[in-house]
C-alpha atoms as a PDB file:
ATOM      1  CA  UNK A   1     -28.641 -39.497  74.803  1.00  0.00           C
ATOM      2  CA  UNK A   2     -25.561 -40.891  73.277  1.00  0.00           C
ATOM      3  CA  UNK A   3     -22.335 -39.060  73.844  1.00  0.00           C
ATOM      4  CA  UNK A   4     -20.874 -37.419  70.713  1.00  0.00           C
ATOM      5  CA  UNK A   5     -17.243 -36.522  70.469  1.00  0.00           C
ATOM      6  CA  UNK A   6     -16.697 -32.759  70.565  1.00  0.00           C
ATOM      7  CA  UNK A   7     -14.992 -32.677  67.209  1.00  0.00           C
ATOM      8  CA  UNK A   8     -18.258 -33.848  65.511  1.00  0.00           C
ATOM      9  CA  UNK A   9     -20.104 -30.771  66.772  1.00  0.00           C
ATOM     10  CA  UNK A  10     -17.221 -28.556  65.639  1.00  0.00           C
ATOM     11  CA  UNK A  11     -17.269 -30.271  62.250  1.00  0.00           C
ATOM     12  CA  UNK A  12     -21.046 -29.726  61.914  1.00  0.00           C
ATOM     13  CA  UNK A  13     -20.614 -26.015  62.707  1.00  0.00           C
ATOM     14  CA  UNK A  14     -17.841 -25.745  60.092  1.00  0.00           C
ATOM     15  CA  UNK A  15     -20.013 -27.563  57.528  1.00  0.00           C
ATOM     16  CA  UNK A  16     -22.909 -25.181  58.248  1.00  0.00           C
ATOM     17  CA  UNK A  17     -20.590 -22.189  57.635  1.00  0.00           C
ATOM     18  CA  UNK A  18     -19.342 -23.684  54.364  1.00  0.00           C
ATOM     19  CA  UNK A  19     -22.912 -24.278  53.157  1.00  0.00           C
ATOM     20  CA  UNK A  20     -23.798 -20.680  54.022  1.00  0.00           C
ATOM     21  CA  UNK A  21     -20.707 -19.388  52.160  1.00  0.00           C
ATOM     22  CA  UNK A  22     -21.526 -21.571  49.132  1.00  0.00           C
ATOM     23  CA  UNK A  23     -25.128 -20.355  49.135  1.00  0.00           C
ATOM     24  CA  UNK A  24     -23.927 -16.747  49.234  1.00  0.00           C
ATOM     25  CA  UNK A  25     -21.443 -17.348  46.390  1.00  0.00           C
ATOM     26  CA  UNK A  26     -24.063 -19.005  44.185  1.00  0.00           C
ATOM     27  CA  UNK A  27     -26.572 -16.193  44.683  1.00  0.00           C
ATOM     28  CA  UNK A  28     -24.091 -13.346  44.192  1.00  0.00           C
ATOM     29  CA  UNK A  29     -23.121 -12.405  40.617  1.00  0.00           C
ATOM     30  CA  UNK A  30     -20.104 -10.377  39.550  1.00  0.00           C
ATOM     31  CA  UNK A  31     -20.862  -7.283  37.425  1.00  0.00           C
ATOM     32  CA  UNK A  32     -21.251  -8.195  33.760  1.00  0.00           C
ATOM     33  CA  UNK A  33     -19.896  -4.976  32.307  1.00  0.00           C
ATOM     34  CA  UNK A  34     -16.322  -6.282  32.097  1.00  0.00           C
ATOM     35  CA  UNK A  35     -14.784  -9.652  31.333  1.00  0.00           C
ATOM     36  CA  UNK A  36     -11.184 -10.305  32.255  1.00  0.00           C
ATOM     37  CA  UNK A  37      -9.145 -13.514  32.285  1.00  0.00           C
ATOM     38  CA  UNK A  38      -8.111 -14.775  35.681  1.00  0.00           C
ATOM     39  CA  UNK A  39      -4.403 -15.567  36.174  1.00  0.00           C
ATOM     40  CA  UNK A  40      -3.567 -18.953  37.639  1.00  0.00           C
ATOM     41  CA  UNK A  41      -0.385 -20.549  38.940  1.00  0.00           C
ATOM     42  CA  UNK A  42       0.128 -22.361  35.622  1.00  0.00           C
ATOM     43  CA  UNK A  43      -0.708 -19.287  33.487  1.00  0.00           C
ATOM     44  CA  UNK A  44       0.370 -16.111  35.299  1.00  0.00           C
ATOM     45  CA  UNK A  45      -0.442 -14.028  32.193  1.00  0.00           C
ATOM     46  CA  UNK A  46      -3.594 -15.626  30.751  1.00  0.00           C
ATOM     47  CA  UNK A  47      -4.406 -16.066  27.063  1.00  0.00           C
ATOM     48  CA  UNK A  48      -6.795 -13.432  25.598  1.00  0.00           C
ATOM     49  CA  UNK A  49     -10.449 -14.079  26.559  1.00  0.00           C
ATOM     50  CA  UNK A  50     -12.893 -15.083  23.842  1.00  0.00           C
ATOM     51  CA  UNK A  51     -16.295 -13.452  23.991  1.00  0.00           C
ATOM     52  CA  UNK A  52     -19.124 -14.908  21.910  1.00  0.00           C
ATOM     53  CA  UNK A  53     -22.867 -14.347  22.292  1.00  0.00           C
ATOM     54  CA  UNK A  54     -25.314 -16.627  20.486  1.00  0.00           C
ATOM     55  CA  UNK A  55     -29.037 -16.262  19.911  1.00  0.00           C
ATOM     56  CA  UNK A  56     -31.599 -19.022  20.479  1.00  0.00           C
ATOM     57  CA  UNK A  57     -30.828 -20.518  17.050  1.00  0.00           C
ATOM     58  CA  UNK A  58     -27.050 -20.728  17.666  1.00  0.00           C
ATOM     59  CA  UNK A  59     -26.355 -17.752  15.384  1.00  0.00           C
ATOM     60  CA  UNK A  60     -23.321 -15.783  16.515  1.00  0.00           C
ATOM     61  CA  UNK A  61     -24.716 -12.278  17.132  1.00  0.00           C
ATOM     62  CA  UNK A  62     -21.727 -10.717  18.919  1.00  0.00           C
ATOM     63  CA  UNK A  63     -18.064 -11.696  18.883  1.00  0.00           C
ATOM     64  CA  UNK A  64     -14.690 -10.143  19.515  1.00  0.00           C
ATOM     65  CA  UNK A  65     -11.796 -10.603  17.113  1.00  0.00           C
ATOM     66  CA  UNK A  66      -9.056 -12.275  19.138  1.00  0.00           C
ATOM     67  CA  UNK A  67      -6.588 -12.229  16.243  1.00  0.00           C
ATOM     68  CA  UNK A  68      -6.323  -8.474  15.703  1.00  0.00           C
ATOM     69  CA  UNK A  69      -8.723  -6.890  18.210  1.00  0.00           C
ATOM     70  CA  UNK A  70     -12.003  -5.103  17.690  1.00  0.00           C
ATOM     71  CA  UNK A  71     -15.339  -6.592  16.741  1.00  0.00           C
ATOM     72  CA  UNK A  72     -15.816  -9.645  14.597  1.00  0.00           C
ATOM     73  CA  UNK A  73     -19.599  -9.398  14.764  1.00  0.00           C
ATOM     74  CA  UNK A  74     -21.932  -7.645  14.244  1.00  0.00           C
ATOM     75  CA  UNK A  75     -21.108  -6.118  10.894  1.00  0.00           C
ATOM     76  CA  UNK A  76     -22.125  -2.522  11.311  1.00  0.00           C
ATOM     77  CA  UNK A  77     -22.408  -0.793   7.946  1.00  0.00           C
ATOM     78  CA  UNK A  78     -25.421  -1.118   5.677  1.00  0.00           C
ATOM     79  CA  UNK A  79     -25.529   0.515   2.261  1.00  0.00           C
ATOM     80  CA  UNK A  80     -28.617   2.408   1.141  1.00  0.00           C
ATOM     81  CA  UNK A  81     -30.352   1.121  -1.998  1.00  0.00           C
ATOM     82  CA  UNK A  82     -29.013   2.660  -5.202  1.00  0.00           C
ATOM     83  CA  UNK A  83     -30.096   2.659  -8.833  1.00  0.00           C
ATOM     84  CA  UNK A  84     -27.524   0.238 -10.211  1.00  0.00           C
ATOM     85  CA  UNK A  85     -29.128  -0.013 -13.661  1.00  0.00           C
ATOM     86  CA  UNK A  86     -28.793   3.633 -14.783  1.00  0.00           C
ATOM     87  CA  UNK A  87     -25.127   4.510 -14.876  1.00  0.00           C
ATOM     88  CA  UNK A  88     -26.001   8.105 -15.823  1.00  0.00           C
ATOM     89  CA  UNK A  89     -26.978   8.532 -12.140  1.00  0.00           C
ATOM     90  CA  UNK A  90     -23.692   7.029 -10.877  1.00  0.00           C
ATOM     91  CA  UNK A  91     -20.685   9.063  -9.751  1.00  0.00           C
ATOM     92  CA  UNK A  92     -18.578   9.648 -12.879  1.00  0.00           C
ATOM     93  CA  UNK A  93     -15.697  11.586 -14.420  1.00  0.00           C
ATOM     94  CA  UNK A  94     -14.376  12.663 -17.809  1.00  0.00           C
ATOM     95  CA  UNK A  95     -10.972  13.564 -16.329  1.00  0.00           C
ATOM     96  CA  UNK A  96      -7.813  12.097 -17.818  1.00  0.00           C
ATOM     97  CA  UNK A  97      -6.131  12.013 -14.403  1.00  0.00           C
ATOM     98  CA  UNK A  98      -7.329  10.063 -11.339  1.00  0.00           C
ATOM     99  CA  UNK A  99     -10.108  12.071  -9.718  1.00  0.00           C
ATOM    100  CA  UNK A 100     -12.205  11.335  -6.607  1.00  0.00           C
ATOM    101  CA  UNK A 101     -15.843  10.845  -7.687  1.00  0.00           C
ATOM    102  CA  UNK A 102     -17.396   9.540  -4.444  1.00  0.00           C
ATOM    103  CA  UNK A 103     -16.490   9.783  -0.759  1.00  0.00           C
ATOM    104  CA  UNK A 104     -17.738   8.449   2.581  1.00  0.00           C
ATOM    105  CA  UNK A 105     -16.664   8.580   6.221  1.00  0.00           C
ATOM    106  CA  UNK A 106     -16.925   5.423   8.316  1.00  0.00           C
ATOM    107  CA  UNK A 107     -15.899   4.328  11.824  1.00  0.00           C
ATOM    108  CA  UNK A 108     -13.222   1.636  12.055  1.00  0.00           C
ATOM    109  CA  UNK A 109     -14.374  -1.304  14.190  1.00  0.00           C
ATOM    110  CA  UNK A 110     -13.012  -4.299  12.274  1.00  0.00           C
ATOM    111  CA  UNK A 111      -9.558  -4.929  10.806  1.00  0.00           C
ATOM    112  CA  UNK A 112     -10.810  -5.707   7.294  1.00  0.00           C
ATOM    113  CA  UNK A 113     -13.273  -4.231   4.850  1.00  0.00           C
ATOM    114  CA  UNK A 114     -15.168  -5.664   1.904  1.00  0.00           C
ATOM    115  CA  UNK A 115     -16.093  -3.288  -0.880  1.00  0.00           C
ATOM    116  CA  UNK A 116     -17.892  -4.260  -4.085  1.00  0.00           C
ATOM    117  CA  UNK A 117     -18.793  -1.853  -6.888  1.00  0.00           C
ATOM    118  CA  UNK A 118     -19.882  -1.896 -10.490  1.00  0.00           C
ATOM    119  CA  UNK A 119     -17.858   0.101 -13.000  1.00  0.00           C
ATOM    120  CA  UNK A 120     -18.826   1.157 -16.533  1.00  0.00           C
ATOM    121  CA  UNK A 121     -17.355   3.223 -19.321  1.00  0.00           C
ATOM    122  CA  UNK A 122     -19.045   5.095 -22.167  1.00  0.00           C
ATOM    123  CA  UNK A 123     -19.049   3.505 -25.606  1.00  0.00           C
ATOM    124  CA  UNK A 124     -15.625   3.505 -27.269  1.00  0.00           C
ATOM    125  CA  UNK A 125     -13.836   4.838 -24.197  1.00  0.00           C
ATOM    126  CA  UNK A 126     -11.476   3.175 -21.701  1.00  0.00           C
ATOM    127  CA  UNK A 127     -10.690   3.947 -18.088  1.00  0.00           C
ATOM    128  CA  UNK A 128      -9.742   2.711 -14.643  1.00  0.00           C
ATOM    129  CA  UNK A 129     -11.210   2.790 -11.126  1.00  0.00           C
ATOM    130  CA  UNK A 130      -9.519   2.405  -7.732  1.00  0.00           C
ATOM    131  CA  UNK A 131     -10.422   2.774  -4.041  1.00  0.00           C
ATOM    132  CA  UNK A 132      -8.487   4.915  -1.582  1.00  0.00           C
ATOM    133  CA  UNK A 133      -8.751   4.573   2.219  1.00  0.00           C
ATOM    134  CA  UNK A 134      -7.222   7.468   4.145  1.00  0.00           C
ATOM    135  CA  UNK A 135      -5.105   8.322   1.110  1.00  0.00           C
ATOM    136  CA  UNK A 136      -3.753   4.785   0.589  1.00  0.00           C
ATOM    137  CA  UNK A 137      -4.901   2.422  -2.149  1.00  0.00           C
ATOM    138  CA  UNK A 138      -7.230  -0.378  -1.037  1.00  0.00           C
ATOM    139  CA  UNK A 139      -7.322  -3.344  -3.401  1.00  0.00           C
ATOM    140  CA  UNK A 140      -6.502  -3.424  -7.103  1.00  0.00           C
ATOM    141  CA  UNK A 141      -7.029  -0.841  -9.823  1.00  0.00           C
ATOM    142  CA  UNK A 142      -9.665  -2.280 -12.163  1.00  0.00           C
ATOM    143  CA  UNK A 143     -10.352  -1.572 -15.801  1.00  0.00           C
ATOM    144  CA  UNK A 144     -13.655   0.290 -16.149  1.00  0.00           C
ATOM    145  CA  UNK A 145     -16.333  -2.218 -17.090  1.00  0.00           C
ATOM    146  CA  UNK A 146     -15.126  -4.802 -14.573  1.00  0.00           C
ATOM    147  CA  UNK A 147     -16.595  -5.359 -11.114  1.00  0.00           C
ATOM    148  CA  UNK A 148     -14.415  -4.260  -8.206  1.00  0.00           C
ATOM    149  CA  UNK A 149     -14.807  -6.761  -5.344  1.00  0.00           C
ATOM    150  CA  UNK A 150     -12.073  -6.752  -2.711  1.00  0.00           C
ATOM    151  CA  UNK A 151     -11.796  -7.863   0.903  1.00  0.00           C
ATOM    152  CA  UNK A 152      -8.600  -6.871   2.680  1.00  0.00           C
ATOM    153  CA  UNK A 153      -6.905  -5.345   5.692  1.00  0.00           C
ATOM    154  CA  UNK A 154      -7.455  -1.644   6.158  1.00  0.00           C
ATOM    155  CA  UNK A 155      -4.355   0.447   5.464  1.00  0.00           C
ATOM    156  CA  UNK A 156      -2.647   1.409   8.717  1.00  0.00           C
ATOM    157  CA  UNK A 157      -4.191  -1.427  10.735  1.00  0.00           C
ATOM    158  CA  UNK A 158      -7.059  -1.497  13.219  1.00  0.00           C
ATOM    159  CA  UNK A 159      -4.842  -1.083  16.293  1.00  0.00           C
ATOM    160  CA  UNK A 160      -4.114   2.599  15.601  1.00  0.00           C
ATOM    161  CA  UNK A 161      -7.468   3.440  13.975  1.00  0.00           C
ATOM    162  CA  UNK A 162      -9.944   1.558  16.200  1.00  0.00           C
ATOM    163  CA  UNK A 163     -13.044   3.715  16.749  1.00  0.00           C
ATOM    164  CA  UNK A 164     -11.694   6.552  14.594  1.00  0.00           C
ATOM    165  CA  UNK A 165     -13.186   7.705  11.297  1.00  0.00           C
ATOM    166  CA  UNK A 166     -11.670   6.606   7.993  1.00  0.00           C
ATOM    167  CA  UNK A 167     -12.206   8.283   4.639  1.00  0.00           C
ATOM    168  CA  UNK A 168     -13.122   6.017   1.719  1.00  0.00           C
ATOM    169  CA  UNK A 169     -12.882   7.503  -1.788  1.00  0.00           C
ATOM    170  CA  UNK A 170     -13.600   6.126  -5.236  1.00  0.00           C
ATOM    171  CA  UNK A 171     -11.138   7.472  -7.831  1.00  0.00           C
ATOM    172  CA  UNK A 172     -11.594   7.118 -11.586  1.00  0.00           C
ATOM    173  CA  UNK A 173      -9.740   8.121 -14.723  1.00  0.00           C
ATOM    174  CA  UNK A 174     -10.468   8.102 -18.465  1.00  0.00           C
ATOM    175  CA  UNK A 175      -7.492   6.563 -20.283  1.00  0.00           C
ATOM    176  CA  UNK A 176      -8.766   7.101 -23.840  1.00  0.00           C
ATOM    177  CA  UNK A 177      -8.910  10.441 -25.678  1.00  0.00           C
ATOM    178  CA  UNK A 178     -12.421  11.094 -24.372  1.00  0.00           C
ATOM    179  CA  UNK A 179     -15.348   9.402 -22.663  1.00  0.00           C
ATOM    180  CA  UNK A 180     -16.848   8.909 -19.224  1.00  0.00           C
ATOM    181  CA  UNK A 181     -16.021   6.408 -16.471  1.00  0.00           C
ATOM    182  CA  UNK A 182     -18.759   5.460 -13.959  1.00  0.00           C
ATOM    183  CA  UNK A 183     -18.596   3.657 -10.616  1.00  0.00           C
ATOM    184  CA  UNK A 184     -21.360   2.622  -8.198  1.00  0.00           C
ATOM    185  CA  UNK A 185     -20.636   1.035  -4.789  1.00  0.00           C
ATOM    186  CA  UNK A 186     -23.102  -1.793  -4.086  1.00  0.00           C
ATOM    187  CA  UNK A 187     -21.675  -3.353  -0.907  1.00  0.00           C
ATOM    188  CA  UNK A 188     -19.318  -2.163   1.806  1.00  0.00           C
ATOM    189  CA  UNK A 189     -18.823  -3.434   5.339  1.00  0.00           C
ATOM    190  CA  UNK A 190     -16.171  -4.154   7.952  1.00  0.00           C
ATOM    191  CA  UNK A 191     -15.292  -7.762   8.644  1.00  0.00           C
ATOM    192  CA  UNK A 192     -13.085  -9.845  10.893  1.00  0.00           C
ATOM    193  CA  UNK A 193      -9.673 -11.411  10.233  1.00  0.00           C
END
């Protein structure tokens, strides 16, 4: 048998240990309930992690919002079907001062909200409709008869309201001597920045 230098045997033993350690590392997974960036020498405080989950068709089904925090996807709220053709069934008012005519309570998960609603006014009358979120106006005041469709940041910001419940109210007013103003929400959901 040929003589082998002792350092070859030592090197083979070290290689065997490294292969065993590599095998263990490959077959051991970290827990997947938390994702954190890892600091490095070049970036002691890492940039925020980006978390995206895609389905088999490359549709983004879950995403965080790295700009302002919270969820970017999925959108959570779904509106129930409503009778949008018969305004007599819609929330309405004959008041000549702004009055809440509809209200909902929703969790805050995204920094923005989109709300779309139809507005109508009885024949010969005039009026206005606006949306209030936690007592602050959200979007423009529209003349009754126009469609309200606004996407914007929630008043107060998502950082202080994340996971808490917000109150959304539809306010309407008759600006003529008499008449009725109607409003019917047809779409409302949280969205990303």
